Amino acid sequence: VLVTENAKDALIKSLIEQFDTFFQSSPESSDSYARII
C-alpha cells in the first residue's frame, strides 16, 4: 500500500480493526481463513 501521510494513521487503525473483525481476533482458530499451501 502506498499511502499519503494524512491518511496513514487512520488507515492502519482501520486495517487492524478489520483483521480483528473478520476473524474475531483469532484467524488461527477461524474456519474462514485458508492456510499456506
PDB file of all heavy atoms in Angstrom:
ATOM      1  N   VAL A   1       0.845  -1.198   0.000  1.00  0.00           N
ATOM      2  CA  VAL A   1       0.000   0.000   0.000  1.00  0.00           C
ATOM      3  C   VAL A   1       0.878   1.245   0.000  1.00  0.00           C
ATOM      4  O   VAL A   1       1.773   1.387   0.846  1.00  0.00           O
ATOM      5  CB  VAL A   1      -0.937   0.026   1.230  1.00  0.00           C
ATOM      6  CG1 VAL A   1      -1.766   1.307   1.237  1.00  0.00           C
ATOM      7  CG2 VAL A   1      -1.850  -1.183   1.227  1.00  0.00           C
ATOM      8  N   LEU A   2       0.623   2.140  -0.943  1.00  0.00           N
ATOM      9  CA  LEU A   2       1.247   3.452  -0.977  1.00  0.00           C
ATOM     10  C   LEU A   2       0.222   4.441  -0.423  1.00  0.00           C
ATOM     11  O   LEU A   2      -0.836   4.652  -1.027  1.00  0.00           O
ATOM     12  CB  LEU A   2       1.627   3.826  -2.414  1.00  0.00           C
ATOM     13  CG  LEU A   2       2.636   2.891  -3.098  1.00  0.00           C
ATOM     14  CD1 LEU A   2       2.671   3.139  -4.598  1.00  0.00           C
ATOM     15  CD2 LEU A   2       4.026   3.057  -2.499  1.00  0.00           C
ATOM     16  N   VAL A   3       0.501   5.016   0.738  1.00  0.00           N
ATOM     17  CA  VAL A   3      -0.486   5.866   1.405  1.00  0.00           C
ATOM     18  C   VAL A   3       0.116   7.232   1.726  1.00  0.00           C
ATOM     19  O   VAL A   3       1.287   7.330   2.108  1.00  0.00           O
ATOM     20  CB  VAL A   3      -1.017   5.179   2.687  1.00  0.00           C
ATOM     21  CG1 VAL A   3       0.110   4.875   3.669  1.00  0.00           C
ATOM     22  CG2 VAL A   3      -2.113   5.999   3.346  1.00  0.00           C
ATOM     23  N   THR A   4      -0.680   8.270   1.576  1.00  0.00           N
ATOM     24  CA  THR A   4      -0.196   9.624   1.896  1.00  0.00           C
ATOM     25  C   THR A   4      -0.180   9.803   3.421  1.00  0.00           C
ATOM     26  O   THR A   4      -0.931   9.141   4.146  1.00  0.00           O
ATOM     27  CB  THR A   4      -1.083  10.701   1.246  1.00  0.00           C
ATOM     28  OG1 THR A   4      -2.446  10.503   1.660  1.00  0.00           O
ATOM     29  CG2 THR A   4      -1.014  10.617  -0.275  1.00  0.00           C
ATOM     30  N   GLU A   5       0.674  10.706   3.886  1.00  0.00           N
ATOM     31  CA  GLU A   5       0.873  10.927   5.318  1.00  0.00           C
ATOM     32  C   GLU A   5      -0.432  11.262   6.031  1.00  0.00           C
ATOM     33  O   GLU A   5      -0.685  10.784   7.148  1.00  0.00           O
ATOM     34  CB  GLU A   5       1.888  12.067   5.514  1.00  0.00           C
ATOM     35  CG  GLU A   5       2.344  12.261   6.949  1.00  0.00           C
ATOM     36  CD  GLU A   5       3.220  11.107   7.460  1.00  0.00           C
ATOM     37  OE1 GLU A   5       4.232  10.779   6.822  1.00  0.00           O
ATOM     38  OE2 GLU A   5       2.848  10.533   8.504  1.00  0.00           O
ATOM     39  N   ASN A   6      -1.290  12.058   5.379  1.00  0.00           N
ATOM     40  CA  ASN A   6      -2.529  12.488   6.046  1.00  0.00           C
ATOM     41  C   ASN A   6      -3.587  11.379   6.144  1.00  0.00           C
ATOM     42  O   ASN A   6      -4.634  11.564   6.751  1.00  0.00           O
ATOM     43  CB  ASN A   6      -3.125  13.716   5.341  1.00  0.00           C
ATOM     44  CG  ASN A   6      -3.486  13.445   3.890  1.00  0.00           C
ATOM     45  OD1 ASN A   6      -3.123  12.406   3.329  1.00  0.00           O
ATOM     46  ND2 ASN A   6      -4.187  14.382   3.267  1.00  0.00           N
ATOM     47  N   ALA A   7      -3.322  10.223   5.515  1.00  0.00           N
ATOM     48  CA  ALA A   7      -4.282   9.112   5.569  1.00  0.00           C
ATOM     49  C   ALA A   7      -3.717   7.900   6.307  1.00  0.00           C
ATOM     50  O   ALA A   7      -4.466   6.988   6.664  1.00  0.00           O
ATOM     51  CB  ALA A   7      -4.683   8.710   4.153  1.00  0.00           C
ATOM     52  N   LYS A   8      -2.405   7.895   6.552  1.00  0.00           N
ATOM     53  CA  LYS A   8      -1.727   6.688   7.036  1.00  0.00           C
ATOM     54  C   LYS A   8      -2.249   6.197   8.385  1.00  0.00           C
ATOM     55  O   LYS A   8      -2.641   5.024   8.517  1.00  0.00           O
ATOM     56  CB  LYS A   8      -0.216   6.924   7.128  1.00  0.00           C
ATOM     57  CG  LYS A   8       0.555   5.654   7.499  1.00  0.00           C
ATOM     58  CD  LYS A   8       2.042   5.923   7.650  1.00  0.00           C
ATOM     59  CE  LYS A   8       2.332   6.593   8.976  1.00  0.00           C
ATOM     60  NZ  LYS A   8       3.778   6.596   9.307  1.00  0.00           N
ATOM     61  N   ASP A   9      -2.264   7.034   9.399  1.00  0.00           N
ATOM     62  CA  ASP A   9      -2.615   6.585  10.742  1.00  0.00           C
ATOM     63  C   ASP A   9      -4.044   6.030  10.800  1.00  0.00           C
ATOM     64  O   ASP A   9      -4.290   4.978  11.404  1.00  0.00           O
ATOM     65  CB  ASP A   9      -2.458   7.734  11.750  1.00  0.00           C
ATOM     66  CG  ASP A   9      -0.994   8.111  11.961  1.00  0.00           C
ATOM     67  OD1 ASP A   9      -0.121   7.308  11.560  1.00  0.00           O
ATOM     68  OD2 ASP A   9      -0.733   9.204  12.501  1.00  0.00           O
ATOM     69  N   ALA A  10      -4.955   6.734  10.155  1.00  0.00           N
ATOM     70  CA  ALA A  10      -6.360   6.285  10.158  1.00  0.00           C
ATOM     71  C   ALA A  10      -6.504   4.963   9.400  1.00  0.00           C
ATOM     72  O   ALA A  10      -7.274   4.080   9.810  1.00  0.00           O
ATOM     73  CB  ALA A  10      -7.253   7.357   9.537  1.00  0.00           C
ATOM     74  N   LEU A  11      -5.752   4.814   8.309  1.00  0.00           N
ATOM     75  CA  LEU A  11      -5.830   3.584   7.522  1.00  0.00           C
ATOM     76  C   LEU A  11      -5.300   2.395   8.321  1.00  0.00           C
ATOM     77  O   LEU A  11      -5.924   1.330   8.360  1.00  0.00           O
ATOM     78  CB  LEU A  11      -5.042   3.729   6.215  1.00  0.00           C
ATOM     79  CG  LEU A  11      -5.020   2.475   5.331  1.00  0.00           C
ATOM     80  CD1 LEU A  11      -6.408   2.168   4.784  1.00  0.00           C
ATOM     81  CD2 LEU A  11      -4.017   2.625   4.189  1.00  0.00           C
ATOM     82  N   ILE A  12      -4.147   2.579   8.973  1.00  0.00           N
ATOM     83  CA  ILE A  12      -3.555   1.488   9.762  1.00  0.00           C
ATOM     84  C   ILE A  12      -4.507   1.064  10.876  1.00  0.00           C
ATOM     85  O   ILE A  12      -4.751  -0.128  11.092  1.00  0.00           O
ATOM     86  CB  ILE A  12      -2.185   1.912  10.331  1.00  0.00           C
ATOM     87  CG1 ILE A  12      -1.152   2.013   9.195  1.00  0.00           C
ATOM     88  CG2 ILE A  12      -1.710   0.930  11.397  1.00  0.00           C
ATOM     89  CD1 ILE A  12       0.164   2.644   9.606  1.00  0.00           C
ATOM     90  N   LYS A  13      -5.068   2.042  11.596  1.00  0.00           N
ATOM     91  CA  LYS A  13      -6.014   1.753  12.685  1.00  0.00           C
ATOM     92  C   LYS A  13      -7.210   0.964  12.153  1.00  0.00           C
ATOM     93  O   LYS A  13      -7.636  -0.034  12.750  1.00  0.00           O
ATOM     94  CB  LYS A  13      -6.468   3.069  13.310  1.00  0.00           C
ATOM     95  CG  LYS A  13      -7.434   2.917  14.484  1.00  0.00           C
ATOM     96  CD  LYS A  13      -7.698   4.295  15.115  1.00  0.00           C
ATOM     97  CE  LYS A  13      -8.660   4.185  16.288  1.00  0.00           C
ATOM     98  NZ  LYS A  13     -10.050   3.924  15.882  1.00  0.00           N
ATOM     99  N   SER A  14      -7.725   1.377  11.006  1.00  0.00           N
ATOM    100  CA  SER A  14      -8.907   0.715  10.439  1.00  0.00           C
ATOM    101  C   SER A  14      -8.579  -0.678   9.902  1.00  0.00           C
ATOM    102  O   SER A  14      -9.396  -1.603  10.014  1.00  0.00           O
ATOM    103  CB  SER A  14      -9.509   1.582   9.335  1.00  0.00           C
ATOM    104  OG  SER A  14     -10.787   1.128   8.985  1.00  0.00           O
ATOM    105  N   LEU A  15      -7.398  -0.859   9.323  1.00  0.00           N
ATOM    106  CA  LEU A  15      -6.978  -2.181   8.844  1.00  0.00           C
ATOM    107  C   LEU A  15      -6.905  -3.181   9.994  1.00  0.00           C
ATOM    108  O   LEU A  15      -7.379  -4.321   9.883  1.00  0.00           O
ATOM    109  CB  LEU A  15      -5.617  -2.093   8.140  1.00  0.00           C
ATOM    110  CG  LEU A  15      -5.615  -1.626   6.688  1.00  0.00           C
ATOM    111  CD1 LEU A  15      -4.190  -1.300   6.235  1.00  0.00           C
ATOM    112  CD2 LEU A  15      -6.211  -2.686   5.774  1.00  0.00           C
ATOM    113  N   ILE A  16      -6.332  -2.745  11.124  1.00  0.00           N
ATOM    114  CA  ILE A  16      -6.227  -3.609  12.296  1.00  0.00           C
ATOM    115  C   ILE A  16      -7.623  -3.987  12.801  1.00  0.00           C
ATOM    116  O   ILE A  16      -7.893  -5.144  13.128  1.00  0.00           O
ATOM    117  CB  ILE A  16      -5.398  -2.929  13.408  1.00  0.00           C
ATOM    118  CG1 ILE A  16      -3.930  -2.816  12.964  1.00  0.00           C
ATOM    119  CG2 ILE A  16      -5.506  -3.687  14.728  1.00  0.00           C
ATOM    120  CD1 ILE A  16      -3.065  -1.945  13.855  1.00  0.00           C
ATOM    121  N   GLU A  17      -8.518  -3.018  12.818  1.00  0.00           N
ATOM    122  CA  GLU A  17      -9.906  -3.286  13.231  1.00  0.00           C
ATOM    123  C   GLU A  17     -10.568  -4.305  12.309  1.00  0.00           C
ATOM    124  O   GLU A  17     -11.300  -5.187  12.764  1.00  0.00           O
ATOM    125  CB  GLU A  17     -10.709  -1.981  13.249  1.00  0.00           C
ATOM    126  CG  GLU A  17     -10.331  -1.039  14.385  1.00  0.00           C
ATOM    127  CD  GLU A  17     -10.977   0.336  14.249  1.00  0.00           C
ATOM    128  OE1 GLU A  17     -11.672   0.562  13.219  1.00  0.00           O
ATOM    129  OE2 GLU A  17     -10.791   1.168  15.151  1.00  0.00           O
ATOM    130  N   GLN A  18     -10.317  -4.179  11.008  1.00  0.00           N
ATOM    131  CA  GLN A  18     -10.918  -5.105  10.043  1.00  0.00           C
ATOM    132  C   GLN A  18     -10.391  -6.527  10.230  1.00  0.00           C
ATOM    133  O   GLN A  18     -11.161  -7.486  10.203  1.00  0.00           O
ATOM    134  CB  GLN A  18     -10.650  -4.630   8.605  1.00  0.00           C
ATOM    135  CG  GLN A  18     -11.346  -3.339   8.226  1.00  0.00           C
ATOM    136  CD  GLN A  18     -12.858  -3.416   8.353  1.00  0.00           C
ATOM    137  OE1 GLN A  18     -13.455  -4.480   8.175  1.00  0.00           O
ATOM    138  NE2 GLN A  18     -13.484  -2.303   8.666  1.00  0.00           N
ATOM    139  N   PHE A  19      -9.079  -6.671  10.402  1.00  0.00           N
ATOM    140  CA  PHE A  19      -8.496  -8.000  10.629  1.00  0.00           C
ATOM    141  C   PHE A  19      -9.127  -8.655  11.863  1.00  0.00           C
ATOM    142  O   PHE A  19      -9.476  -9.836  11.849  1.00  0.00           O
ATOM    143  CB  PHE A  19      -6.981  -7.917  10.810  1.00  0.00           C
ATOM    144  CG  PHE A  19      -6.212  -7.619   9.551  1.00  0.00           C
ATOM    145  CD1 PHE A  19      -5.125  -6.746   9.566  1.00  0.00           C
ATOM    146  CD2 PHE A  19      -6.552  -8.219   8.348  1.00  0.00           C
ATOM    147  CE1 PHE A  19      -4.399  -6.479   8.408  1.00  0.00           C
ATOM    148  CE2 PHE A  19      -5.837  -7.952   7.187  1.00  0.00           C
ATOM    149  CZ  PHE A  19      -4.765  -7.092   7.221  1.00  0.00           C
ATOM    150  N   ASP A  20      -9.275  -7.863  12.928  1.00  0.00           N
ATOM    151  CA  ASP A  20      -9.863  -8.395  14.158  1.00  0.00           C
ATOM    152  C   ASP A  20     -11.334  -8.761  13.959  1.00  0.00           C
ATOM    153  O   ASP A  20     -11.811  -9.782  14.466  1.00  0.00           O
ATOM    154  CB  ASP A  20      -9.734  -7.371  15.300  1.00  0.00           C
ATOM    155  CG  ASP A  20      -8.328  -7.318  15.880  1.00  0.00           C
ATOM    156  OD1 ASP A  20      -7.573  -8.283  15.676  1.00  0.00           O
ATOM    157  OD2 ASP A  20      -7.988  -6.310  16.528  1.00  0.00           O
ATOM    158  N   THR A  21     -12.052  -7.929  13.204  1.00  0.00           N
ATOM    159  CA  THR A  21     -13.477  -8.173  12.960  1.00  0.00           C
ATOM    160  C   THR A  21     -13.686  -9.421  12.110  1.00  0.00           C
ATOM    161  O   THR A  21     -14.566 -10.242  12.388  1.00  0.00           O
ATOM    162  CB  THR A  21     -14.121  -6.958  12.259  1.00  0.00           C
ATOM    163  OG1 THR A  21     -13.953  -5.813  13.085  1.00  0.00           O
ATOM    164  CG2 THR A  21     -15.603  -7.195  12.014  1.00  0.00           C
ATOM    165  N   PHE A  22     -12.872  -9.571  11.075  1.00  0.00           N
ATOM    166  CA  PHE A  22     -13.005 -10.721  10.169  1.00  0.00           C
ATOM    167  C   PHE A  22     -12.918 -12.046  10.918  1.00  0.00           C
ATOM    168  O   PHE A  22     -13.666 -12.979  10.643  1.00  0.00           O
ATOM    169  CB  PHE A  22     -11.893 -10.697   9.109  1.00  0.00           C
ATOM    170  CG  PHE A  22     -12.095  -9.711   7.992  1.00  0.00           C
ATOM    171  CD1 PHE A  22     -11.141  -9.576   7.006  1.00  0.00           C
ATOM    172  CD2 PHE A  22     -13.220  -8.912   7.912  1.00  0.00           C
ATOM    173  CE1 PHE A  22     -11.300  -8.677   5.961  1.00  0.00           C
ATOM    174  CE2 PHE A  22     -13.405  -8.008   6.878  1.00  0.00           C
ATOM    175  CZ  PHE A  22     -12.437  -7.890   5.893  1.00  0.00           C
ATOM    176  N   PHE A  23     -11.969 -12.132  11.833  1.00  0.00           N
ATOM    177  CA  PHE A  23     -11.644 -13.429  12.449  1.00  0.00           C
ATOM    178  C   PHE A  23     -11.797 -13.443  13.969  1.00  0.00           C
ATOM    179  O   PHE A  23     -11.200 -14.274  14.647  1.00  0.00           O
ATOM    180  CB  PHE A  23     -10.215 -13.835  12.069  1.00  0.00           C
ATOM    181  CG  PHE A  23      -9.955 -13.793  10.595  1.00  0.00           C
ATOM    182  CD1 PHE A  23      -9.109 -12.843  10.045  1.00  0.00           C
ATOM    183  CD2 PHE A  23     -10.590 -14.685   9.741  1.00  0.00           C
ATOM    184  CE1 PHE A  23      -8.877 -12.800   8.676  1.00  0.00           C
ATOM    185  CE2 PHE A  23     -10.370 -14.644   8.379  1.00  0.00           C
ATOM    186  CZ  PHE A  23      -9.513 -13.703   7.835  1.00  0.00           C
ATOM    187  N   GLN A  24     -12.607 -12.493  14.521  1.00  0.00           N
ATOM    188  CA  GLN A  24     -12.805 -12.410  15.971  1.00  0.00           C
ATOM    189  C   GLN A  24     -11.452 -12.444  16.705  1.00  0.00           C
ATOM    190  O   GLN A  24     -11.291 -13.122  17.727  1.00  0.00           O
ATOM    191  CB  GLN A  24     -13.705 -13.549  16.487  1.00  0.00           C
ATOM    192  CG  GLN A  24     -15.158 -13.443  16.050  1.00  0.00           C
ATOM    193  CD  GLN A  24     -15.395 -13.923  14.633  1.00  0.00           C
ATOM    194  OE1 GLN A  24     -14.960 -15.001  14.258  1.00  0.00           O
ATOM    195  NE2 GLN A  24     -16.067 -13.124  13.830  1.00  0.00           N
ATOM    196  N   SER A  25     -10.483 -11.727  16.136  1.00  0.00           N
ATOM    197  CA  SER A  25      -9.132 -11.584  16.713  1.00  0.00           C
ATOM    198  C   SER A  25      -8.347 -12.893  16.747  1.00  0.00           C
ATOM    199  O   SER A  25      -7.273 -12.950  17.343  1.00  0.00           O
ATOM    200  CB  SER A  25      -9.188 -10.996  18.139  1.00  0.00           C
ATOM    201  OG  SER A  25      -9.862  -9.756  18.115  1.00  0.00           O
ATOM    202  N   SER A  26      -8.857 -13.953  16.077  1.00  0.00           N
ATOM    203  CA  SER A  26      -8.139 -15.236  16.117  1.00  0.00           C
ATOM    204  C   SER A  26      -8.235 -15.961  14.778  1.00  0.00           C
ATOM    205  O   SER A  26      -8.994 -16.923  14.638  1.00  0.00           O
ATOM    206  CB  SER A  26      -8.705 -16.112  17.237  1.00  0.00           C
ATOM    207  OG  SER A  26      -8.018 -17.343  17.273  1.00  0.00           O
ATOM    208  N   PRO A  27      -7.454 -15.529  13.771  1.00  0.00           N
ATOM    209  CA  PRO A  27      -7.508 -16.197  12.460  1.00  0.00           C
ATOM    210  C   PRO A  27      -7.126 -17.675  12.535  1.00  0.00           C
ATOM    211  O   PRO A  27      -7.627 -18.484  11.758  1.00  0.00           O
ATOM    212  CB  PRO A  27      -6.470 -15.420  11.625  1.00  0.00           C
ATOM    213  CG  PRO A  27      -6.269 -14.132  12.340  1.00  0.00           C
ATOM    214  CD  PRO A  27      -6.520 -14.407  13.783  1.00  0.00           C
ATOM    215  N   GLU A  28      -6.262 -18.028  13.495  1.00  0.00           N
ATOM    216  CA  GLU A  28      -5.770 -19.415  13.577  1.00  0.00           C
ATOM    217  C   GLU A  28      -6.888 -20.400  13.913  1.00  0.00           C
ATOM    218  O   GLU A  28      -6.877 -21.542  13.445  1.00  0.00           O
ATOM    219  CB  GLU A  28      -4.644 -19.521  14.617  1.00  0.00           C
ATOM    220  CG  GLU A  28      -3.929 -20.850  14.571  1.00  0.00           C
ATOM    221  CD  GLU A  28      -2.621 -20.858  15.338  1.00  0.00           C
ATOM    222  OE1 GLU A  28      -2.340 -19.902  16.098  1.00  0.00           O
ATOM    223  OE2 GLU A  28      -1.858 -21.832  15.175  1.00  0.00           O
ATOM    224  N   SER A  29      -7.866 -19.968  14.673  1.00  0.00           N
ATOM    225  CA  SER A  29      -8.963 -20.863  15.035  1.00  0.00           C
ATOM    226  C   SER A  29     -10.207 -20.628  14.181  1.00  0.00           C
ATOM    227  O   SER A  29     -11.241 -21.260  14.390  1.00  0.00           O
ATOM    228  CB  SER A  29      -9.318 -20.686  16.513  1.00  0.00           C
ATOM    229  OG  SER A  29      -9.704 -19.344  16.767  1.00  0.00           O
ATOM    230  N   SER A  30     -10.101 -19.725  13.199  1.00  0.00           N
ATOM    231  CA  SER A  30     -11.253 -19.410  12.357  1.00  0.00           C
ATOM    232  C   SER A  30     -11.417 -20.423  11.229  1.00  0.00           C
ATOM    233  O   SER A  30     -10.437 -20.911  10.664  1.00  0.00           O
ATOM    234  CB  SER A  30     -11.088 -18.005  11.757  1.00  0.00           C
ATOM    235  OG  SER A  30     -12.080 -17.745  10.791  1.00  0.00           O
ATOM    236  N   ASP A  31     -12.681 -20.717  10.898  1.00  0.00           N
ATOM    237  CA  ASP A  31     -12.968 -21.598   9.756  1.00  0.00           C
ATOM    238  C   ASP A  31     -12.970 -20.823   8.438  1.00  0.00           C
ATOM    239  O   ASP A  31     -13.211 -21.400   7.386  1.00  0.00           O
ATOM    240  CB  ASP A  31     -14.345 -22.262   9.938  1.00  0.00           C
ATOM    241  CG  ASP A  31     -14.334 -23.310  11.035  1.00  0.00           C
ATOM    242  OD1 ASP A  31     -13.251 -23.885  11.272  1.00  0.00           O
ATOM    243  OD2 ASP A  31     -15.390 -23.532  11.650  1.00  0.00           O
ATOM    244  N   SER A  32     -12.732 -19.515   8.511  1.00  0.00           N
ATOM    245  CA  SER A  32     -12.820 -18.661   7.324  1.00  0.00           C
ATOM    246  C   SER A  32     -11.460 -18.203   6.804  1.00  0.00           C
ATOM    247  O   SER A  32     -11.379 -17.253   6.031  1.00  0.00           O
ATOM    248  CB  SER A  32     -13.680 -17.427   7.642  1.00  0.00           C
ATOM    249  OG  SER A  32     -14.967 -17.821   8.026  1.00  0.00           O
ATOM    250  N   TYR A  33     -10.405 -18.861   7.249  1.00  0.00           N
ATOM    251  CA  TYR A  33      -9.061 -18.412   6.867  1.00  0.00           C
ATOM    252  C   TYR A  33      -8.238 -19.590   6.365  1.00  0.00           C
ATOM    253  O   TYR A  33      -8.022 -20.566   7.087  1.00  0.00           O
ATOM    254  CB  TYR A  33      -8.381 -17.752   8.072  1.00  0.00           C
ATOM    255  CG  TYR A  33      -7.071 -17.055   7.745  1.00  0.00           C
ATOM    256  CD1 TYR A  33      -7.023 -15.968   6.869  1.00  0.00           C
ATOM    257  CD2 TYR A  33      -5.882 -17.480   8.333  1.00  0.00           C
ATOM    258  CE1 TYR A  33      -5.826 -15.331   6.587  1.00  0.00           C
ATOM    259  CE2 TYR A  33      -4.680 -16.842   8.063  1.00  0.00           C
ATOM    260  CZ  TYR A  33      -4.662 -15.770   7.188  1.00  0.00           C
ATOM    261  OH  TYR A  33      -3.475 -15.134   6.906  1.00  0.00           O
ATOM    262  N   ALA A  34      -7.785 -19.507   5.127  1.00  0.00           N
ATOM    263  CA  ALA A  34      -7.036 -20.600   4.498  1.00  0.00           C
ATOM    264  C   ALA A  34      -5.611 -20.686   5.057  1.00  0.00           C
ATOM    265  O   ALA A  34      -5.140 -19.789   5.767  1.00  0.00           O
ATOM    266  CB  ALA A  34      -6.991 -20.406   2.990  1.00  0.00           C
ATOM    267  N   ARG A  35      -4.918 -21.759   4.701  1.00  0.00           N
ATOM    268  CA  ARG A  35      -3.537 -21.957   5.124  1.00  0.00           C
ATOM    269  C   ARG A  35      -2.586 -21.765   3.942  1.00  0.00           C
ATOM    270  O   ARG A  35      -3.001 -21.779   2.770  1.00  0.00           O
ATOM    271  CB  ARG A  35      -3.353 -23.371   5.693  1.00  0.00           C
ATOM    272  CG  ARG A  35      -4.158 -23.620   6.961  1.00  0.00           C
ATOM    273  CD  ARG A  35      -3.725 -22.660   8.080  1.00  0.00           C
ATOM    274  NE  ARG A  35      -4.412 -22.922   9.348  1.00  0.00           N
ATOM    275  CZ  ARG A  35      -5.402 -22.189   9.821  1.00  0.00           C
ATOM    276  NH1 ARG A  35      -5.881 -21.171   9.126  1.00  0.00           N
ATOM    277  NH2 ARG A  35      -5.950 -22.465  10.998  1.00  0.00           N
ATOM    278  N   ILE A  36      -1.311 -21.591   4.243  1.00  0.00           N
ATOM    279  CA  ILE A  36      -0.291 -21.503   3.197  1.00  0.00           C
ATOM    280  C   ILE A  36      -0.164 -22.895   2.570  1.00  0.00           C
ATOM    281  O   ILE A  36      -0.236 -23.905   3.262  1.00  0.00           O
ATOM    282  CB  ILE A  36       1.054 -21.021   3.790  1.00  0.00           C
ATOM    283  CG1 ILE A  36       0.853 -19.666   4.507  1.00  0.00           C
ATOM    284  CG2 ILE A  36       2.094 -20.883   2.686  1.00  0.00           C
ATOM    285  CD1 ILE A  36       0.223 -18.569   3.669  1.00  0.00           C
ATOM    286  N   ILE A  37       0.046 -22.948   1.278  1.00  0.00           N
ATOM    287  CA  ILE A  37      -0.065 -24.196   0.534  1.00  0.00           C
ATOM    288  C   ILE A  37       0.911 -25.277   0.994  1.00  0.00           C
ATOM    289  O   ILE A  37       0.558 -26.440   1.084  1.00  0.00           O
ATOM    290  CB  ILE A  37       0.085 -23.949  -0.990  1.00  0.00           C
ATOM    291  CG1 ILE A  37      -0.160 -25.239  -1.781  1.00  0.00           C
ATOM    292  CG2 ILE A  37       1.434 -23.341  -1.325  1.00  0.00           C
ATOM    293  CD1 ILE A  37      -1.534 -25.817  -1.633  1.00  0.00           C
TER     294      ILE A  37
END
